[in-house]
Amino acid sequence: MNKLRCVLGLTTILAIALPVLAQQKRVSPHETISARISGKLVTITYGRPYSKDPKGGAIREIWGKLVPWDAAWRMGSDEATTLVTQSALAFGDTTIPAGAYTLYLVPSESGTTKLAFSSAIGGWGIPVDEKHDVARVDVKREPLDPQVDQFTMGIERSGSGGVMKMMWEKTQFSVPFTLAK
């Protein structure tokens, strides 16, 4: 148990320190969100790009253009999006152990969109090697109105678990989870 606390503490420090170290390279602001679910903390740190192109100012088409369909996407900008959880999380039949993970999305226009959890943390963008993926889970895709001009993530408490949401442009992706026993 002490080893797990040490690993969680170090990964939390890493998740907080990486954004500070990379600040000079950033175009988009970064945010850390968290929710306490049944006393356990779930935290996500991610970059928040805008629909507006930072170089030319034009409004970009996000899904299928800036973020291609059926390809891994970092879920934000700059450093990889990081999830740190004090408890194992269950996404349907898939359980993610307590710890730190890089999150990325594989959005699909006509198939099933997947949220991936990688044990390769501390990188830039998405993990290069899928062999570090701990799991991939299906996420629900639905239209969003009004649209969101800056990529936004959220963790909403729901019963004994929560719902992780990713919103940008005219689309929302969501996936429910519970604390694993």
N, C-alpha and C. Protein backbone atom coordinates (compact mmCIF):
# COMPACT_ATOMS: atom_id res chain seq x y z
N MET A 1 0.82 -1.19 0.00
CA MET A 1 0.00 0.00 0.00
C MET A 1 0.87 1.26 0.00
N ASN A 2 1.98 1.23 0.79
CA ASN A 2 2.89 2.38 0.80
C ASN A 2 3.54 2.58 -0.56
N LYS A 3 3.84 1.47 -1.26
CA LYS A 3 4.44 1.57 -2.58
C LYS A 3 3.45 2.25 -3.55
N LEU A 4 2.17 1.88 -3.46
CA LEU A 4 1.15 2.48 -4.32
C LEU A 4 1.03 3.97 -4.02
N ARG A 5 1.04 4.35 -2.76
CA ARG A 5 0.98 5.78 -2.39
C ARG A 5 2.17 6.54 -2.94
N CYS A 6 3.35 5.93 -2.86
CA CYS A 6 4.56 6.56 -3.38
C CYS A 6 4.46 6.76 -4.89
N VAL A 7 4.02 5.71 -5.61
CA VAL A 7 3.88 5.80 -7.06
C VAL A 7 2.84 6.86 -7.42
N LEU A 8 1.70 6.86 -6.72
CA LEU A 8 0.67 7.87 -7.00
C LEU A 8 1.17 9.27 -6.70
N GLY A 9 1.92 9.44 -5.63
CA GLY A 9 2.47 10.74 -5.29
C GLY A 9 3.46 11.24 -6.34
N LEU A 10 4.35 10.36 -6.78
CA LEU A 10 5.32 10.73 -7.80
C LEU A 10 4.65 11.04 -9.14
N THR A 11 3.65 10.25 -9.51
CA THR A 11 2.98 10.53 -10.79
C THR A 11 2.15 11.80 -10.72
N THR A 12 1.60 12.11 -9.56
CA THR A 12 0.87 13.37 -9.41
C THR A 12 1.83 14.55 -9.56
N ILE A 13 2.99 14.45 -8.94
CA ILE A 13 4.00 15.50 -9.06
C ILE A 13 4.42 15.64 -10.52
N LEU A 14 4.62 14.52 -11.20
CA LEU A 14 5.00 14.54 -12.61
C LEU A 14 3.90 15.19 -13.46
N ALA A 15 2.66 14.84 -13.19
CA ALA A 15 1.54 15.40 -13.96
C ALA A 15 1.43 16.91 -13.76
N ILE A 16 1.77 17.38 -12.58
CA ILE A 16 1.71 18.82 -12.30
C ILE A 16 2.96 19.52 -12.83
N ALA A 17 4.12 18.87 -12.73
CA ALA A 17 5.38 19.51 -13.13
C ALA A 17 5.56 19.61 -14.64
N LEU A 18 5.09 18.62 -15.39
CA LEU A 18 5.26 18.64 -16.84
C LEU A 18 4.67 19.88 -17.49
N PRO A 19 3.44 20.26 -17.13
CA PRO A 19 2.90 21.48 -17.73
C PRO A 19 3.75 22.72 -17.43
N VAL A 20 4.29 22.80 -16.23
CA VAL A 20 5.10 23.96 -15.85
C VAL A 20 6.39 23.98 -16.67
N LEU A 21 7.02 22.81 -16.85
CA LEU A 21 8.27 22.73 -17.59
C LEU A 21 8.10 23.05 -19.07
N ALA A 22 6.94 22.76 -19.63
CA ALA A 22 6.73 22.94 -21.07
C ALA A 22 6.03 24.24 -21.42
N GLN A 23 5.84 25.12 -20.47
CA GLN A 23 5.05 26.32 -20.70
C GLN A 23 5.55 27.17 -21.85
N GLN A 24 6.83 27.29 -22.08
CA GLN A 24 7.34 28.13 -23.15
C GLN A 24 6.90 27.64 -24.52
N LYS A 25 6.64 26.36 -24.68
CA LYS A 25 6.30 25.78 -25.98
C LYS A 25 4.80 25.81 -26.26
N ARG A 26 3.98 26.14 -25.29
CA ARG A 26 2.54 26.01 -25.40
C ARG A 26 1.87 27.12 -26.20
N VAL A 27 0.87 26.71 -26.95
CA VAL A 27 0.00 27.65 -27.64
C VAL A 27 -1.35 27.68 -26.93
N SER A 28 -1.74 26.55 -26.36
CA SER A 28 -3.05 26.43 -25.70
C SER A 28 -2.89 26.41 -24.18
N PRO A 29 -3.88 26.96 -23.46
CA PRO A 29 -3.83 26.86 -21.99
C PRO A 29 -4.06 25.42 -21.55
N HIS A 30 -3.63 25.13 -20.34
CA HIS A 30 -3.81 23.79 -19.79
C HIS A 30 -4.68 23.87 -18.54
N GLU A 31 -5.29 22.75 -18.21
CA GLU A 31 -6.18 22.72 -17.06
C GLU A 31 -6.06 21.37 -16.36
N THR A 32 -6.27 21.39 -15.06
CA THR A 32 -6.35 20.16 -14.26
C THR A 32 -7.74 20.13 -13.65
N ILE A 33 -8.45 19.04 -13.89
CA ILE A 33 -9.78 18.86 -13.32
C ILE A 33 -9.74 17.65 -12.41
N SER A 34 -10.61 17.62 -11.41
CA SER A 34 -10.65 16.45 -10.55
C SER A 34 -12.03 16.33 -9.92
N ALA A 35 -12.31 15.13 -9.49
CA ALA A 35 -13.55 14.84 -8.77
C ALA A 35 -13.22 13.82 -7.69
N ARG A 36 -13.86 13.98 -6.56
CA ARG A 36 -13.72 13.02 -5.46
C ARG A 36 -14.96 12.13 -5.52
N ILE A 37 -14.74 10.85 -5.77
CA ILE A 37 -15.82 9.90 -5.91
C ILE A 37 -15.67 8.85 -4.82
N SER A 38 -16.65 8.82 -3.93
CA SER A 38 -16.60 7.92 -2.77
C SER A 38 -15.28 8.05 -2.02
N GLY A 39 -14.80 9.28 -1.90
CA GLY A 39 -13.59 9.57 -1.14
C GLY A 39 -12.30 9.41 -1.92
N LYS A 40 -12.36 8.93 -3.15
CA LYS A 40 -11.16 8.71 -3.97
C LYS A 40 -11.07 9.79 -5.04
N LEU A 41 -9.86 10.31 -5.25
CA LEU A 41 -9.65 11.39 -6.19
C LEU A 41 -9.34 10.86 -7.60
N VAL A 42 -10.02 11.44 -8.60
CA VAL A 42 -9.75 11.16 -10.01
C VAL A 42 -9.38 12.50 -10.63
N THR A 43 -8.16 12.60 -11.21
CA THR A 43 -7.64 13.86 -11.73
C THR A 43 -7.19 13.70 -13.18
N ILE A 44 -7.50 14.71 -14.00
CA ILE A 44 -7.06 14.73 -15.40
C ILE A 44 -6.39 16.07 -15.67
N THR A 45 -5.21 16.03 -16.29
CA THR A 45 -4.49 17.23 -16.71
C THR A 45 -4.38 17.19 -18.22
N TYR A 46 -4.80 18.29 -18.89
CA TYR A 46 -4.85 18.28 -20.35
C TYR A 46 -4.71 19.68 -20.93
N GLY A 47 -4.33 19.74 -22.20
CA GLY A 47 -4.27 21.00 -22.93
C GLY A 47 -5.63 21.32 -23.53
N ARG A 48 -5.94 22.63 -23.68
CA ARG A 48 -7.26 23.05 -24.13
C ARG A 48 -7.18 23.90 -25.41
N PRO A 49 -6.97 23.26 -26.56
CA PRO A 49 -6.89 24.02 -27.80
C PRO A 49 -8.24 24.65 -28.16
N TYR A 50 -8.18 25.69 -28.98
CA TYR A 50 -9.36 26.39 -29.46
C TYR A 50 -9.72 25.93 -30.87
N SER A 51 -10.97 26.13 -31.26
CA SER A 51 -11.37 25.88 -32.64
C SER A 51 -10.70 26.88 -33.56
N LYS A 52 -10.44 28.08 -33.06
CA LYS A 52 -9.79 29.14 -33.83
C LYS A 52 -8.30 28.82 -33.99
N ASP A 53 -7.82 28.84 -35.21
CA ASP A 53 -6.41 28.57 -35.51
C ASP A 53 -5.53 29.64 -34.86
N PRO A 54 -4.57 29.25 -34.01
CA PRO A 54 -3.72 30.24 -33.33
C PRO A 54 -2.80 31.01 -34.28
N LYS A 55 -2.54 30.46 -35.45
CA LYS A 55 -1.64 31.13 -36.40
C LYS A 55 -2.38 32.09 -37.31
N GLY A 56 -3.50 31.64 -37.91
CA GLY A 56 -4.20 32.49 -38.88
C GLY A 56 -5.51 33.07 -38.40
N GLY A 57 -6.06 32.52 -37.33
CA GLY A 57 -7.30 33.03 -36.78
C GLY A 57 -8.57 32.45 -37.38
N ALA A 58 -8.45 31.60 -38.41
CA ALA A 58 -9.63 31.00 -39.04
C ALA A 58 -10.23 29.94 -38.10
N ILE A 59 -11.53 29.76 -38.17
CA ILE A 59 -12.20 28.71 -37.39
C ILE A 59 -11.94 27.39 -38.11
N ARG A 60 -11.41 26.43 -37.37
CA ARG A 60 -11.06 25.13 -37.95
C ARG A 60 -12.21 24.15 -37.79
N GLU A 61 -12.33 23.26 -38.76
CA GLU A 61 -13.25 22.13 -38.62
C GLU A 61 -12.47 21.08 -37.83
N ILE A 62 -13.05 20.62 -36.72
CA ILE A 62 -12.30 19.75 -35.81
C ILE A 62 -12.37 18.28 -36.22
N TRP A 63 -13.56 17.68 -36.09
CA TRP A 63 -13.70 16.23 -36.28
C TRP A 63 -13.67 15.87 -37.75
N GLY A 64 -12.74 15.00 -38.11
CA GLY A 64 -12.57 14.57 -39.49
C GLY A 64 -11.57 15.42 -40.25
N LYS A 65 -11.17 16.55 -39.72
CA LYS A 65 -10.19 17.43 -40.38
C LYS A 65 -8.97 17.60 -39.48
N LEU A 66 -9.05 18.53 -38.49
CA LEU A 66 -7.92 18.73 -37.56
C LEU A 66 -7.64 17.43 -36.79
N VAL A 67 -8.71 16.78 -36.33
CA VAL A 67 -8.61 15.48 -35.66
C VAL A 67 -9.16 14.44 -36.62
N PRO A 68 -8.29 13.66 -37.28
CA PRO A 68 -8.78 12.69 -38.28
C PRO A 68 -9.56 11.54 -37.64
N TRP A 69 -10.50 11.02 -38.40
CA TRP A 69 -11.25 9.84 -37.94
C TRP A 69 -10.33 8.62 -37.93
N ASP A 70 -10.59 7.71 -37.00
CA ASP A 70 -9.93 6.40 -36.92
C ASP A 70 -8.41 6.49 -36.75
N ALA A 71 -7.94 7.53 -36.10
CA ALA A 71 -6.52 7.68 -35.78
C ALA A 71 -6.41 8.16 -34.33
N ALA A 72 -5.34 7.78 -33.67
CA ALA A 72 -5.13 8.19 -32.27
C ALA A 72 -4.99 9.70 -32.18
N TRP A 73 -5.68 10.30 -31.20
CA TRP A 73 -5.61 11.74 -30.96
C TRP A 73 -5.31 11.97 -29.48
N ARG A 74 -4.45 12.90 -29.16
CA ARG A 74 -3.95 13.14 -27.81
C ARG A 74 -4.98 13.69 -26.83
N MET A 75 -6.17 14.03 -27.27
CA MET A 75 -7.21 14.61 -26.41
C MET A 75 -6.73 15.92 -25.79
N GLY A 76 -6.38 16.84 -26.62
CA GLY A 76 -5.93 18.14 -26.14
C GLY A 76 -4.79 18.64 -26.98
N SER A 77 -3.85 19.30 -26.34
CA SER A 77 -2.69 19.84 -27.05
C SER A 77 -1.45 19.68 -26.19
N ASP A 78 -0.30 19.77 -26.85
CA ASP A 78 1.00 19.74 -26.18
C ASP A 78 1.26 18.39 -25.50
N GLU A 79 1.60 18.40 -24.21
CA GLU A 79 1.90 17.16 -23.52
C GLU A 79 0.69 16.22 -23.56
N ALA A 80 0.98 14.96 -23.36
CA ALA A 80 -0.09 13.97 -23.33
C ALA A 80 -1.06 14.26 -22.19
N THR A 81 -2.32 13.94 -22.41
CA THR A 81 -3.34 14.07 -21.38
C THR A 81 -3.10 12.99 -20.33
N THR A 82 -3.12 13.38 -19.06
CA THR A 82 -2.78 12.45 -17.98
C THR A 82 -3.95 12.25 -17.03
N LEU A 83 -4.22 11.00 -16.71
CA LEU A 83 -5.22 10.62 -15.71
C LEU A 83 -4.47 10.04 -14.52
N VAL A 84 -4.81 10.52 -13.31
CA VAL A 84 -4.28 9.94 -12.08
C VAL A 84 -5.48 9.57 -11.23
N THR A 85 -5.56 8.31 -10.81
CA THR A 85 -6.69 7.85 -10.01
C THR A 85 -6.20 7.10 -8.77
N GLN A 86 -6.83 7.41 -7.63
CA GLN A 86 -6.47 6.76 -6.37
C GLN A 86 -7.14 5.40 -6.21
N SER A 87 -8.10 5.10 -7.06
CA SER A 87 -8.82 3.85 -6.98
C SER A 87 -8.90 3.23 -8.36
N ALA A 88 -9.04 1.91 -8.40
CA ALA A 88 -9.28 1.25 -9.68
C ALA A 88 -10.64 1.72 -10.21
N LEU A 89 -10.70 1.93 -11.52
CA LEU A 89 -11.94 2.39 -12.16
C LEU A 89 -12.46 1.29 -13.08
N ALA A 90 -13.77 1.07 -13.05
CA ALA A 90 -14.40 0.08 -13.92
C ALA A 90 -15.21 0.80 -14.99
N PHE A 91 -14.87 0.54 -16.23
CA PHE A 91 -15.59 1.04 -17.39
C PHE A 91 -16.29 -0.17 -18.00
N GLY A 92 -17.52 -0.41 -17.58
CA GLY A 92 -18.19 -1.64 -17.99
C GLY A 92 -17.45 -2.83 -17.42
N ASP A 93 -17.05 -3.76 -18.28
CA ASP A 93 -16.33 -4.96 -17.85
C ASP A 93 -14.81 -4.76 -17.78
N THR A 94 -14.35 -3.56 -18.12
CA THR A 94 -12.91 -3.28 -18.15
C THR A 94 -12.51 -2.51 -16.91
N THR A 95 -11.49 -3.00 -16.19
CA THR A 95 -11.01 -2.34 -14.98
C THR A 95 -9.61 -1.77 -15.22
N ILE A 96 -9.46 -0.50 -14.83
CA ILE A 96 -8.18 0.19 -14.90
C ILE A 96 -7.65 0.28 -13.47
N PRO A 97 -6.48 -0.31 -13.15
CA PRO A 97 -5.96 -0.23 -11.79
C PRO A 97 -5.65 1.21 -11.36
N ALA A 98 -5.62 1.45 -10.07
CA ALA A 98 -5.22 2.77 -9.55
C ALA A 98 -3.84 3.09 -10.09
N GLY A 99 -3.60 4.37 -10.38
CA GLY A 99 -2.30 4.78 -10.89
C GLY A 99 -2.41 5.94 -11.84
N ALA A 100 -1.37 6.10 -12.66
CA ALA A 100 -1.32 7.20 -13.63
C ALA A 100 -1.28 6.64 -15.04
N TYR A 101 -1.99 7.31 -15.96
CA TYR A 101 -2.11 6.86 -17.34
C TYR A 101 -2.11 8.04 -18.29
N THR A 102 -1.65 7.80 -19.50
CA THR A 102 -1.86 8.73 -20.59
C THR A 102 -3.17 8.34 -21.25
N LEU A 103 -4.04 9.33 -21.46
CA LEU A 103 -5.30 9.09 -22.14
C LEU A 103 -5.19 9.57 -23.58
N TYR A 104 -5.78 8.82 -24.49
CA TYR A 104 -5.94 9.31 -25.86
C TYR A 104 -7.20 8.70 -26.45
N LEU A 105 -7.70 9.34 -27.49
CA LEU A 105 -8.97 8.96 -28.10
C LEU A 105 -8.72 8.50 -29.53
N VAL A 106 -9.47 7.49 -29.96
CA VAL A 106 -9.48 7.08 -31.35
C VAL A 106 -10.92 7.30 -31.83
N PRO A 107 -11.20 8.53 -32.35
CA PRO A 107 -12.57 8.85 -32.76
C PRO A 107 -12.93 8.17 -34.08
N SER A 108 -14.17 7.74 -34.19
CA SER A 108 -14.63 7.09 -35.41
C SER A 108 -15.91 7.76 -35.89
N GLU A 109 -15.96 8.04 -37.17
CA GLU A 109 -17.16 8.67 -37.74
C GLU A 109 -18.29 7.67 -37.89
N SER A 110 -17.97 6.43 -38.26
CA SER A 110 -19.03 5.45 -38.51
C SER A 110 -18.96 4.23 -37.61
N GLY A 111 -17.84 4.04 -36.91
CA GLY A 111 -17.70 2.89 -36.02
C GLY A 111 -17.76 3.31 -34.57
N THR A 112 -17.09 2.55 -33.73
CA THR A 112 -17.08 2.82 -32.29
C THR A 112 -15.83 3.62 -31.91
N THR A 113 -16.04 4.74 -31.23
CA THR A 113 -14.93 5.55 -30.73
C THR A 113 -14.37 4.89 -29.48
N LYS A 114 -13.04 4.89 -29.35
CA LYS A 114 -12.37 4.24 -28.22
C LYS A 114 -11.57 5.25 -27.41
N LEU A 115 -11.61 5.09 -26.09
CA LEU A 115 -10.76 5.83 -25.16
C LEU A 115 -9.68 4.85 -24.71
N ALA A 116 -8.41 5.24 -24.91
CA ALA A 116 -7.28 4.36 -24.58
C ALA A 116 -6.58 4.84 -23.32
N PHE A 117 -6.13 3.90 -22.51
CA PHE A 117 -5.38 4.14 -21.28
C PHE A 117 -4.01 3.52 -21.48
N SER A 118 -2.97 4.34 -21.49
CA SER A 118 -1.60 3.85 -21.71
C SER A 118 -0.78 4.02 -20.44
N SER A 119 0.07 3.04 -20.17
CA SER A 119 0.97 3.13 -19.01
C SER A 119 2.21 3.96 -19.33
N ALA A 120 2.40 4.35 -20.59
CA ALA A 120 3.53 5.21 -20.98
C ALA A 120 3.14 6.65 -20.68
N ILE A 121 3.65 7.20 -19.57
CA ILE A 121 3.28 8.55 -19.17
C ILE A 121 4.47 9.50 -19.30
N GLY A 122 4.16 10.80 -19.26
CA GLY A 122 5.20 11.81 -19.28
C GLY A 122 5.67 12.19 -20.66
N GLY A 123 4.96 11.77 -21.71
CA GLY A 123 5.40 12.06 -23.06
C GLY A 123 4.71 13.28 -23.65
N TRP A 124 4.99 13.51 -24.90
CA TRP A 124 4.42 14.62 -25.66
C TRP A 124 3.45 14.01 -26.65
N GLY A 125 2.21 14.49 -26.68
CA GLY A 125 1.25 13.96 -27.63
C GLY A 125 0.71 12.62 -27.21
N ILE A 126 0.69 11.68 -28.14
CA ILE A 126 0.17 10.35 -27.85
C ILE A 126 1.31 9.35 -27.74
N PRO A 127 1.12 8.27 -26.99
CA PRO A 127 2.17 7.25 -26.91
C PRO A 127 2.44 6.68 -28.30
N VAL A 128 3.70 6.42 -28.59
CA VAL A 128 4.09 5.94 -29.91
C VAL A 128 3.79 4.45 -30.06
N ASP A 129 3.81 3.73 -28.97
CA ASP A 129 3.69 2.28 -29.03
C ASP A 129 2.45 1.80 -28.28
N GLU A 130 1.53 1.17 -28.99
CA GLU A 130 0.29 0.69 -28.37
C GLU A 130 0.52 -0.46 -27.39
N LYS A 131 1.72 -1.03 -27.36
CA LYS A 131 1.97 -2.15 -26.45
C LYS A 131 1.85 -1.72 -24.98
N HIS A 132 1.88 -0.39 -24.73
CA HIS A 132 1.73 0.12 -23.37
C HIS A 132 0.27 0.38 -23.00
N ASP A 133 -0.65 0.16 -23.96
CA ASP A 133 -2.07 0.35 -23.66
C ASP A 133 -2.52 -0.68 -22.63
N VAL A 134 -3.10 -0.18 -21.55
CA VAL A 134 -3.63 -1.05 -20.51
C VAL A 134 -5.02 -1.53 -20.94
N ALA A 135 -5.76 -0.61 -21.59
CA ALA A 135 -7.11 -0.96 -22.05
C ALA A 135 -7.60 0.10 -23.03
N ARG A 136 -8.63 -0.28 -23.77
CA ARG A 136 -9.40 0.64 -24.61
C ARG A 136 -10.87 0.36 -24.32
N VAL A 137 -11.63 1.43 -24.12
CA VAL A 137 -13.05 1.27 -23.83
C VAL A 137 -13.88 2.06 -24.83
N ASP A 138 -15.09 1.58 -25.08
CA ASP A 138 -16.01 2.27 -25.98
C ASP A 138 -16.55 3.52 -25.32
N VAL A 139 -16.67 4.59 -26.10
CA VAL A 139 -17.28 5.82 -25.61
C VAL A 139 -18.47 6.18 -26.49
N LYS A 140 -19.40 6.88 -25.90
CA LYS A 140 -20.61 7.31 -26.61
C LYS A 140 -20.33 8.65 -27.28
N ARG A 141 -20.75 8.77 -28.53
CA ARG A 141 -20.61 10.02 -29.28
C ARG A 141 -21.99 10.58 -29.55
N GLU A 142 -22.15 11.89 -29.26
CA GLU A 142 -23.43 12.53 -29.50
C GLU A 142 -23.24 13.99 -29.88
N PRO A 143 -24.23 14.57 -30.57
CA PRO A 143 -24.11 15.97 -30.96
C PRO A 143 -24.15 16.88 -29.73
N LEU A 144 -23.53 18.03 -29.86
CA LEU A 144 -23.44 18.99 -28.77
C LEU A 144 -24.02 20.32 -29.24
N ASP A 145 -24.99 20.84 -28.49
CA ASP A 145 -25.59 22.13 -28.84
C ASP A 145 -25.88 22.88 -27.56
N PRO A 146 -25.30 24.05 -27.35
CA PRO A 146 -24.49 24.79 -28.31
C PRO A 146 -23.10 24.18 -28.41
N GLN A 147 -22.39 24.55 -29.47
CA GLN A 147 -21.06 24.00 -29.66
C GLN A 147 -20.07 24.62 -28.68
N VAL A 148 -18.95 23.93 -28.48
CA VAL A 148 -17.90 24.36 -27.56
C VAL A 148 -16.67 24.73 -28.39
N ASP A 149 -16.19 25.96 -28.27
CA ASP A 149 -15.09 26.44 -29.11
C ASP A 149 -13.70 26.12 -28.55
N GLN A 150 -13.64 25.63 -27.31
CA GLN A 150 -12.37 25.23 -26.73
C GLN A 150 -12.54 23.83 -26.17
N PHE A 151 -11.60 22.93 -26.50
CA PHE A 151 -11.68 21.56 -26.01
C PHE A 151 -11.84 21.56 -24.50
N THR A 152 -12.84 20.83 -24.02
CA THR A 152 -13.17 20.81 -22.60
C THR A 152 -13.41 19.38 -22.14
N MET A 153 -12.84 19.04 -20.99
CA MET A 153 -13.10 17.74 -20.37
C MET A 153 -13.80 17.96 -19.05
N GLY A 154 -14.54 16.96 -18.62
CA GLY A 154 -15.22 17.04 -17.34
C GLY A 154 -15.36 15.67 -16.71
N ILE A 155 -15.46 15.67 -15.40
CA ILE A 155 -15.75 14.45 -14.65
C ILE A 155 -16.96 14.78 -13.79
N GLU A 156 -18.09 14.16 -14.08
CA GLU A 156 -19.31 14.40 -13.31
C GLU A 156 -19.57 13.20 -12.41
N ARG A 157 -19.88 13.47 -11.16
CA ARG A 157 -20.26 12.39 -10.25
C ARG A 157 -21.63 11.86 -10.67
N SER A 158 -21.79 10.55 -10.59
CA SER A 158 -23.06 9.92 -10.94
C SER A 158 -23.20 8.64 -10.11
N GLY A 159 -24.10 8.65 -9.14
CA GLY A 159 -24.27 7.49 -8.27
C GLY A 159 -22.99 7.17 -7.54
N SER A 160 -22.54 5.91 -7.64
CA SER A 160 -21.30 5.50 -6.97
C SER A 160 -20.09 5.62 -7.90
N GLY A 161 -20.27 6.32 -9.02
CA GLY A 161 -19.18 6.49 -9.97
C GLY A 161 -19.22 7.86 -10.59
N GLY A 162 -18.97 7.89 -11.88
CA GLY A 162 -18.96 9.17 -12.57
C GLY A 162 -19.07 8.98 -14.07
N VAL A 163 -19.04 10.12 -14.77
CA VAL A 163 -19.04 10.12 -16.23
C VAL A 163 -17.91 11.03 -16.67
N MET A 164 -17.02 10.50 -17.51
CA MET A 164 -15.95 11.29 -18.09
C MET A 164 -16.47 11.83 -19.42
N LYS A 165 -16.32 13.17 -19.61
CA LYS A 165 -16.82 13.81 -20.83
C LYS A 165 -15.71 14.56 -21.53
N MET A 166 -15.75 14.52 -22.86
CA MET A 166 -14.83 15.26 -23.71
C MET A 166 -15.68 16.00 -24.74
N MET A 167 -15.57 17.33 -24.77
CA MET A 167 -16.44 18.14 -25.62
C MET A 167 -15.62 19.11 -26.45
N TRP A 168 -15.97 19.19 -27.75
CA TRP A 168 -15.33 20.16 -28.64
C TRP A 168 -16.14 20.29 -29.90
N GLU A 169 -16.23 21.50 -30.36
CA GLU A 169 -16.97 21.84 -31.56
C GLU A 169 -18.42 21.40 -31.36
N LYS A 170 -18.93 20.53 -32.20
CA LYS A 170 -20.34 20.12 -32.15
C LYS A 170 -20.51 18.70 -31.63
N THR A 171 -19.47 18.16 -30.96
CA THR A 171 -19.50 16.75 -30.56
C THR A 171 -19.09 16.58 -29.10
N GLN A 172 -19.80 15.66 -28.43
CA GLN A 172 -19.44 15.27 -27.06
C GLN A 172 -19.22 13.76 -27.05
N PHE A 173 -18.14 13.34 -26.40
CA PHE A 173 -17.86 11.93 -26.16
C PHE A 173 -17.99 11.72 -24.66
N SER A 174 -18.59 10.62 -24.23
CA SER A 174 -18.72 10.36 -22.80
C SER A 174 -18.63 8.87 -22.51
N VAL A 175 -18.20 8.59 -21.28
CA VAL A 175 -18.10 7.20 -20.84
C VAL A 175 -18.32 7.15 -19.33
N PRO A 176 -19.28 6.32 -18.88
CA PRO A 176 -19.51 6.18 -17.44
C PRO A 176 -18.49 5.22 -16.82
N PHE A 177 -18.24 5.42 -15.51
CA PHE A 177 -17.35 4.53 -14.79
C PHE A 177 -17.80 4.42 -13.34
N THR A 178 -17.35 3.37 -12.68
CA THR A 178 -17.59 3.19 -11.25
C THR A 178 -16.24 2.90 -10.60
N LEU A 179 -16.20 2.98 -9.27
CA LEU A 179 -14.99 2.56 -8.56
C LEU A 179 -15.03 1.03 -8.52
N ALA A 180 -13.92 0.42 -8.90
CA ALA A 180 -13.85 -1.04 -8.90
C ALA A 180 -13.66 -1.55 -7.47
N LYS A 181 -14.18 -2.69 -7.23
CA LYS A 181 -14.09 -3.29 -5.90
C LYS A 181 -12.78 -4.01 -5.72
